[in-house]
PDB file of N, CA and C in Angstrom:
ATOM      1  N   MET A   1     -19.029  -9.646  52.173  1.00  0.00           N
ATOM      2  CA  MET A   1     -18.861  -8.217  52.321  1.00  0.00           C
ATOM      3  C   MET A   1     -19.027  -7.509  50.982  1.00  0.00           C
ATOM      4  N   SER A   2     -18.922  -8.240  49.903  1.00  0.00           N
ATOM      5  CA  SER A   2     -19.062  -7.654  48.577  1.00  0.00           C
ATOM      6  C   SER A   2     -20.460  -7.073  48.366  1.00  0.00           C
ATOM      7  N   PHE A   3     -21.488  -7.714  48.950  1.00  0.00           N
ATOM      8  CA  PHE A   3     -22.848  -7.216  48.804  1.00  0.00           C
ATOM      9  C   PHE A   3     -22.962  -5.801  49.353  1.00  0.00           C
ATOM     10  N   PHE A   4     -22.381  -5.565  50.534  1.00  0.00           N
ATOM     11  CA  PHE A   4     -22.474  -4.252  51.161  1.00  0.00           C
ATOM     12  C   PHE A   4     -21.719  -3.204  50.351  1.00  0.00           C
ATOM     13  N   LYS A   5     -20.591  -3.594  49.781  1.00  0.00           N
ATOM     14  CA  LYS A   5     -19.836  -2.667  48.939  1.00  0.00           C
ATOM     15  C   LYS A   5     -20.639  -2.322  47.691  1.00  0.00           C
ATOM     16  N   ASP A   6     -21.225  -3.333  47.051  1.00  0.00           N
ATOM     17  CA  ASP A   6     -22.033  -3.101  45.854  1.00  0.00           C
ATOM     18  C   ASP A   6     -23.267  -2.258  46.170  1.00  0.00           C
ATOM     19  N   ALA A   7     -23.932  -2.564  47.285  1.00  0.00           N
ATOM     20  CA  ALA A   7     -25.112  -1.803  47.673  1.00  0.00           C
ATOM     21  C   ALA A   7     -24.742  -0.361  47.997  1.00  0.00           C
ATOM     22  N   GLY A   8     -23.637  -0.171  48.664  1.00  0.00           N
ATOM     23  CA  GLY A   8     -23.177   1.178  48.979  1.00  0.00           C
ATOM     24  C   GLY A   8     -22.832   1.971  47.733  1.00  0.00           C
ATOM     25  N   MET A   9     -22.176   1.324  46.785  1.00  0.00           N
ATOM     26  CA  MET A   9     -21.833   2.006  45.536  1.00  0.00           C
ATOM     27  C   MET A   9     -23.090   2.353  44.741  1.00  0.00           C
ATOM     28  N   ALA A  10     -24.075   1.461  44.739  1.00  0.00           N
ATOM     29  CA  ALA A  10     -25.328   1.740  44.043  1.00  0.00           C
ATOM     30  C   ALA A  10     -26.054   2.906  44.704  1.00  0.00           C
ATOM     31  N   LEU A  11     -26.063   2.930  46.029  1.00  0.00           N
ATOM     32  CA  LEU A  11     -26.701   4.024  46.754  1.00  0.00           C
ATOM     33  C   LEU A  11     -25.968   5.342  46.499  1.00  0.00           C
ATOM     34  N   LEU A  12     -24.661   5.314  46.518  1.00  0.00           N
ATOM     35  CA  LEU A  12     -23.874   6.516  46.248  1.00  0.00           C
ATOM     36  C   LEU A  12     -24.108   7.020  44.827  1.00  0.00           C
ATOM     37  N   GLY A  13     -24.138   6.100  43.867  1.00  0.00           N
ATOM     38  CA  GLY A  13     -24.408   6.492  42.484  1.00  0.00           C
ATOM     39  C   GLY A  13     -25.784   7.102  42.328  1.00  0.00           C
ATOM     40  N   GLY A  14     -26.769   6.512  42.967  1.00  0.00           N
ATOM     41  CA  GLY A  14     -28.122   7.066  42.922  1.00  0.00           C
ATOM     42  C   GLY A  14     -28.192   8.428  43.571  1.00  0.00           C
ATOM     43  N   TRP A  15     -27.457   8.599  44.658  1.00  0.00           N
ATOM     44  CA  TRP A  15     -27.433   9.891  45.343  1.00  0.00           C
ATOM     45  C   TRP A  15     -26.817  10.965  44.446  1.00  0.00           C
ATOM     46  N   ILE A  16     -25.730  10.626  43.774  1.00  0.00           N
ATOM     47  CA  ILE A  16     -25.079  11.584  42.868  1.00  0.00           C
ATOM     48  C   ILE A  16     -26.022  11.976  41.738  1.00  0.00           C
ATOM     49  N   ILE A  17     -26.706  10.998  41.158  1.00  0.00           N
ATOM     50  CA  ILE A  17     -27.674  11.291  40.097  1.00  0.00           C
ATOM     51  C   ILE A  17     -28.811  12.157  40.638  1.00  0.00           C
ATOM     52  N   GLY A  18     -29.279  11.858  41.844  1.00  0.00           N
ATOM     53  CA  GLY A  18     -30.338  12.659  42.455  1.00  0.00           C
ATOM     54  C   GLY A  18     -29.921  14.109  42.655  1.00  0.00           C
ATOM     55  N   VAL A  19     -28.694  14.304  43.119  1.00  0.00           N
ATOM     56  CA  VAL A  19     -28.190  15.666  43.313  1.00  0.00           C
ATOM     57  C   VAL A  19     -28.089  16.384  41.966  1.00  0.00           C
ATOM     58  N   ALA A  20     -27.584  15.683  40.946  1.00  0.00           N
ATOM     59  CA  ALA A  20     -27.457  16.303  39.621  1.00  0.00           C
ATOM     60  C   ALA A  20     -28.826  16.672  39.052  1.00  0.00           C
ATOM     61  N   PHE A  21     -29.786  15.783  39.177  1.00  0.00           N
ATOM     62  CA  PHE A  21     -31.129  16.075  38.676  1.00  0.00           C
ATOM     63  C   PHE A  21     -31.766  17.219  39.459  1.00  0.00           C
ATOM     64  N   GLY A  22     -31.539  17.260  40.769  1.00  0.00           N
ATOM     65  CA  GLY A  22     -32.066  18.353  41.577  1.00  0.00           C
ATOM     66  C   GLY A  22     -31.435  19.686  41.191  1.00  0.00           C
ATOM     67  N   PHE A  23     -30.132  19.676  40.944  1.00  0.00           N
ATOM     68  CA  PHE A  23     -29.430  20.891  40.538  1.00  0.00           C
ATOM     69  C   PHE A  23     -29.955  21.402  39.209  1.00  0.00           C
ATOM     70  N   LEU A  24     -30.242  20.484  38.289  1.00  0.00           N
ATOM     71  CA  LEU A  24     -30.758  20.865  36.967  1.00  0.00           C
ATOM     72  C   LEU A  24     -32.265  21.081  36.980  1.00  0.00           C
ATOM     73  N   LYS A  25     -32.888  20.899  38.146  1.00  0.00           N
ATOM     74  CA  LYS A  25     -34.335  21.072  38.324  1.00  0.00           C
ATOM     75  C   LYS A  25     -35.142  20.177  37.372  1.00  0.00           C
ATOM     76  N   LEU A  26     -34.697  18.932  37.261  1.00  0.00           N
ATOM     77  CA  LEU A  26     -35.374  17.921  36.452  1.00  0.00           C
ATOM     78  C   LEU A  26     -36.143  16.982  37.378  1.00  0.00           C
ATOM     79  N   PRO A  27     -37.201  16.349  36.886  1.00  0.00           N
ATOM     80  CA  PRO A  27     -37.901  15.366  37.725  1.00  0.00           C
ATOM     81  C   PRO A  27     -37.023  14.129  37.939  1.00  0.00           C
ATOM     82  N   ALA A  28     -37.185  13.511  39.075  1.00  0.00           N
ATOM     83  CA  ALA A  28     -36.385  12.328  39.403  1.00  0.00           C
ATOM     84  C   ALA A  28     -36.700  11.186  38.436  1.00  0.00           C
ATOM     85  N   PRO A  29     -35.665  10.513  37.927  1.00  0.00           N
ATOM     86  CA  PRO A  29     -35.857   9.422  36.956  1.00  0.00           C
ATOM     87  C   PRO A  29     -36.133   8.082  37.616  1.00  0.00           C
ATOM     88  N   VAL A  30     -37.086   8.043  38.525  1.00  0.00           N
ATOM     89  CA  VAL A  30     -37.415   6.803  39.231  1.00  0.00           C
ATOM     90  C   VAL A  30     -38.912   6.550  39.129  1.00  0.00           C
ATOM     91  N   PRO A  31     -39.314   5.287  39.190  1.00  0.00           N
ATOM     92  CA  PRO A  31     -40.752   4.992  39.163  1.00  0.00           C
ATOM     93  C   PRO A  31     -41.403   5.366  40.492  1.00  0.00           C
ATOM     94  N   PRO A  32     -42.715   5.419  40.516  1.00  0.00           N
ATOM     95  CA  PRO A  32     -43.393   5.690  41.781  1.00  0.00           C
ATOM     96  C   PRO A  32     -43.055   4.632  42.833  1.00  0.00           C
ATOM     97  N   LEU A  33     -43.399   4.915  44.058  1.00  0.00           N
ATOM     98  CA  LEU A  33     -43.058   4.029  45.174  1.00  0.00           C
ATOM     99  C   LEU A  33     -43.553   2.605  44.957  1.00  0.00           C
ATOM    100  N   MET A  34     -44.754   2.435  44.439  1.00  0.00           N
ATOM    101  CA  MET A  34     -45.294   1.085  44.234  1.00  0.00           C
ATOM    102  C   MET A  34     -44.462   0.316  43.201  1.00  0.00           C
ATOM    103  N   GLY A  35     -43.912   1.008  42.220  1.00  0.00           N
ATOM    104  CA  GLY A  35     -43.037   0.355  41.246  1.00  0.00           C
ATOM    105  C   GLY A  35     -41.762  -0.154  41.899  1.00  0.00           C
ATOM    106  N   LEU A  36     -41.213   0.632  42.811  1.00  0.00           N
ATOM    107  CA  LEU A  36     -40.005   0.207  43.523  1.00  0.00           C
ATOM    108  C   LEU A  36     -40.283  -0.975  44.439  1.00  0.00           C
ATOM    109  N   ILE A  37     -41.439  -0.954  45.082  1.00  0.00           N
ATOM    110  CA  ILE A  37     -41.816  -2.078  45.953  1.00  0.00           C
ATOM    111  C   ILE A  37     -42.006  -3.341  45.116  1.00  0.00           C
ATOM    112  N   GLY A  38     -42.618  -3.205  43.952  1.00  0.00           N
ATOM    113  CA  GLY A  38     -42.796  -4.353  43.063  1.00  0.00           C
ATOM    114  C   GLY A  38     -41.467  -4.908  42.586  1.00  0.00           C
ATOM    115  N   ALA A  39     -40.526  -4.020  42.251  1.00  0.00           N
ATOM    116  CA  ALA A  39     -39.197  -4.464  41.820  1.00  0.00           C
ATOM    117  C   ALA A  39     -38.485  -5.198  42.953  1.00  0.00           C
ATOM    118  N   ALA A  40     -38.635  -4.711  44.175  1.00  0.00           N
ATOM    119  CA  ALA A  40     -38.033  -5.395  45.324  1.00  0.00           C
ATOM    120  C   ALA A  40     -38.645  -6.779  45.496  1.00  0.00           C
ATOM    121  N   GLY A  41     -39.956  -6.890  45.266  1.00  0.00           N
ATOM    122  CA  GLY A  41     -40.610  -8.196  45.349  1.00  0.00           C
ATOM    123  C   GLY A  41     -40.077  -9.181  44.329  1.00  0.00           C
ATOM    124  N   VAL A  42     -39.811  -8.685  43.134  1.00  0.00           N
ATOM    125  CA  VAL A  42     -39.250  -9.547  42.084  1.00  0.00           C
ATOM    126  C   VAL A  42     -37.868 -10.043  42.500  1.00  0.00           C
ATOM    127  N   LEU A  43     -37.042  -9.163  43.033  1.00  0.00           N
ATOM    128  CA  LEU A  43     -35.704  -9.568  43.469  1.00  0.00           C
ATOM    129  C   LEU A  43     -35.768 -10.585  44.611  1.00  0.00           C
ATOM    130  N   ILE A  44     -36.622 -10.321  45.578  1.00  0.00           N
ATOM    131  CA  ILE A  44     -36.759 -11.242  46.706  1.00  0.00           C
ATOM    132  C   ILE A  44     -37.270 -12.592  46.232  1.00  0.00           C
ATOM    133  N   GLY A  45     -38.225 -12.590  45.311  1.00  0.00           N
ATOM    134  CA  GLY A  45     -38.734 -13.843  44.765  1.00  0.00           C
ATOM    135  C   GLY A  45     -37.657 -14.632  44.046  1.00  0.00           C
ATOM    136  N   GLY A  46     -36.808 -13.937  43.295  1.00  0.00           N
ATOM    137  CA  GLY A  46     -35.707 -14.609  42.608  1.00  0.00           C
ATOM    138  C   GLY A  46     -34.726 -15.244  43.577  1.00  0.00           C
ATOM    139  N   TYR A  47     -34.388 -14.532  44.654  1.00  0.00           N
ATOM    140  CA  TYR A  47     -33.490 -15.092  45.657  1.00  0.00           C
ATOM    141  C   TYR A  47     -34.119 -16.292  46.357  1.00  0.00           C
ATOM    142  N   CYS A  48     -35.403 -16.182  46.661  1.00  0.00           N
ATOM    143  CA  CYS A  48     -36.097 -17.304  47.303  1.00  0.00           C
ATOM    144  C   CYS A  48     -36.115 -18.528  46.405  1.00  0.00           C
ATOM    145  N   TYR A  49     -36.334 -18.328  45.116  1.00  0.00           N
ATOM    146  CA  TYR A  49     -36.330 -19.445  44.181  1.00  0.00           C
ATOM    147  C   TYR A  49     -34.965 -20.134  44.178  1.00  0.00           C
ATOM    148  N   GLU A  50     -33.893 -19.338  44.138  1.00  0.00           N
ATOM    149  CA  GLU A  50     -32.551 -19.922  44.154  1.00  0.00           C
ATOM    150  C   GLU A  50     -32.312 -20.725  45.415  1.00  0.00           C
ATOM    151  N   LEU A  51     -32.711 -20.176  46.559  1.00  0.00           N
ATOM    152  CA  LEU A  51     -32.524 -20.889  47.823  1.00  0.00           C
ATOM    153  C   LEU A  51     -33.342 -22.184  47.869  1.00  0.00           C
ATOM    154  N   LEU A  52     -34.598 -22.106  47.440  1.00  0.00           N
ATOM    155  CA  LEU A  52     -35.436 -23.299  47.453  1.00  0.00           C
ATOM    156  C   LEU A  52     -34.929 -24.364  46.489  1.00  0.00           C
ATOM    157  N   SER A  53     -34.477 -23.939  45.305  1.00  0.00           N
ATOM    158  CA  SER A  53     -33.982 -24.933  44.345  1.00  0.00           C
ATOM    159  C   SER A  53     -32.719 -25.597  44.866  1.00  0.00           C
ATOM    160  N   LYS A  54     -31.849 -24.849  45.530  1.00  0.00           N
ATOM    161  CA  LYS A  54     -30.650 -25.455  46.115  1.00  0.00           C
ATOM    162  C   LYS A  54     -31.020 -26.414  47.249  1.00  0.00           C
ATOM    163  N   PHE A  55     -32.010 -26.026  48.045  1.00  0.00           N
ATOM    164  CA  PHE A  55     -32.440 -26.847  49.174  1.00  0.00           C
ATOM    165  C   PHE A  55     -33.090 -28.141  48.706  1.00  0.00           C
ATOM    166  N   ILE A  56     -33.940 -28.047  47.677  1.00  0.00           N
ATOM    167  CA  ILE A  56     -34.671 -29.227  47.191  1.00  0.00           C
ATOM    168  C   ILE A  56     -33.745 -30.158  46.418  1.00  0.00           C
ATOM    169  N   LEU A  57     -32.867 -29.616  45.587  1.00  0.00           N
ATOM    170  CA  LEU A  57     -32.000 -30.442  44.770  1.00  0.00           C
ATOM    171  C   LEU A  57     -30.794 -30.993  45.549  1.00  0.00           C
ATOM    172  N   LYS A  58     -30.579 -30.516  46.745  1.00  0.00           N
ATOM    173  CA  LYS A  58     -29.436 -30.972  47.525  1.00  0.00           C
ATOM    174  C   LYS A  58     -29.624 -32.319  48.124  1.00  0.00           C
TER     175      LYS A  58
END
């Protein structure tokens, strides 16, 4: 359940920053969509590596 709490807190923090940047009429401090998709791929690849290494070494 800790994952959902951490993910929720990260989403809430991002939302607060988004509202603050919108209020100040600043551009959003995030990379383009393809950058976010690439970052998600890196995270998924890291998790897959951990799972495979545990499976193979077990």
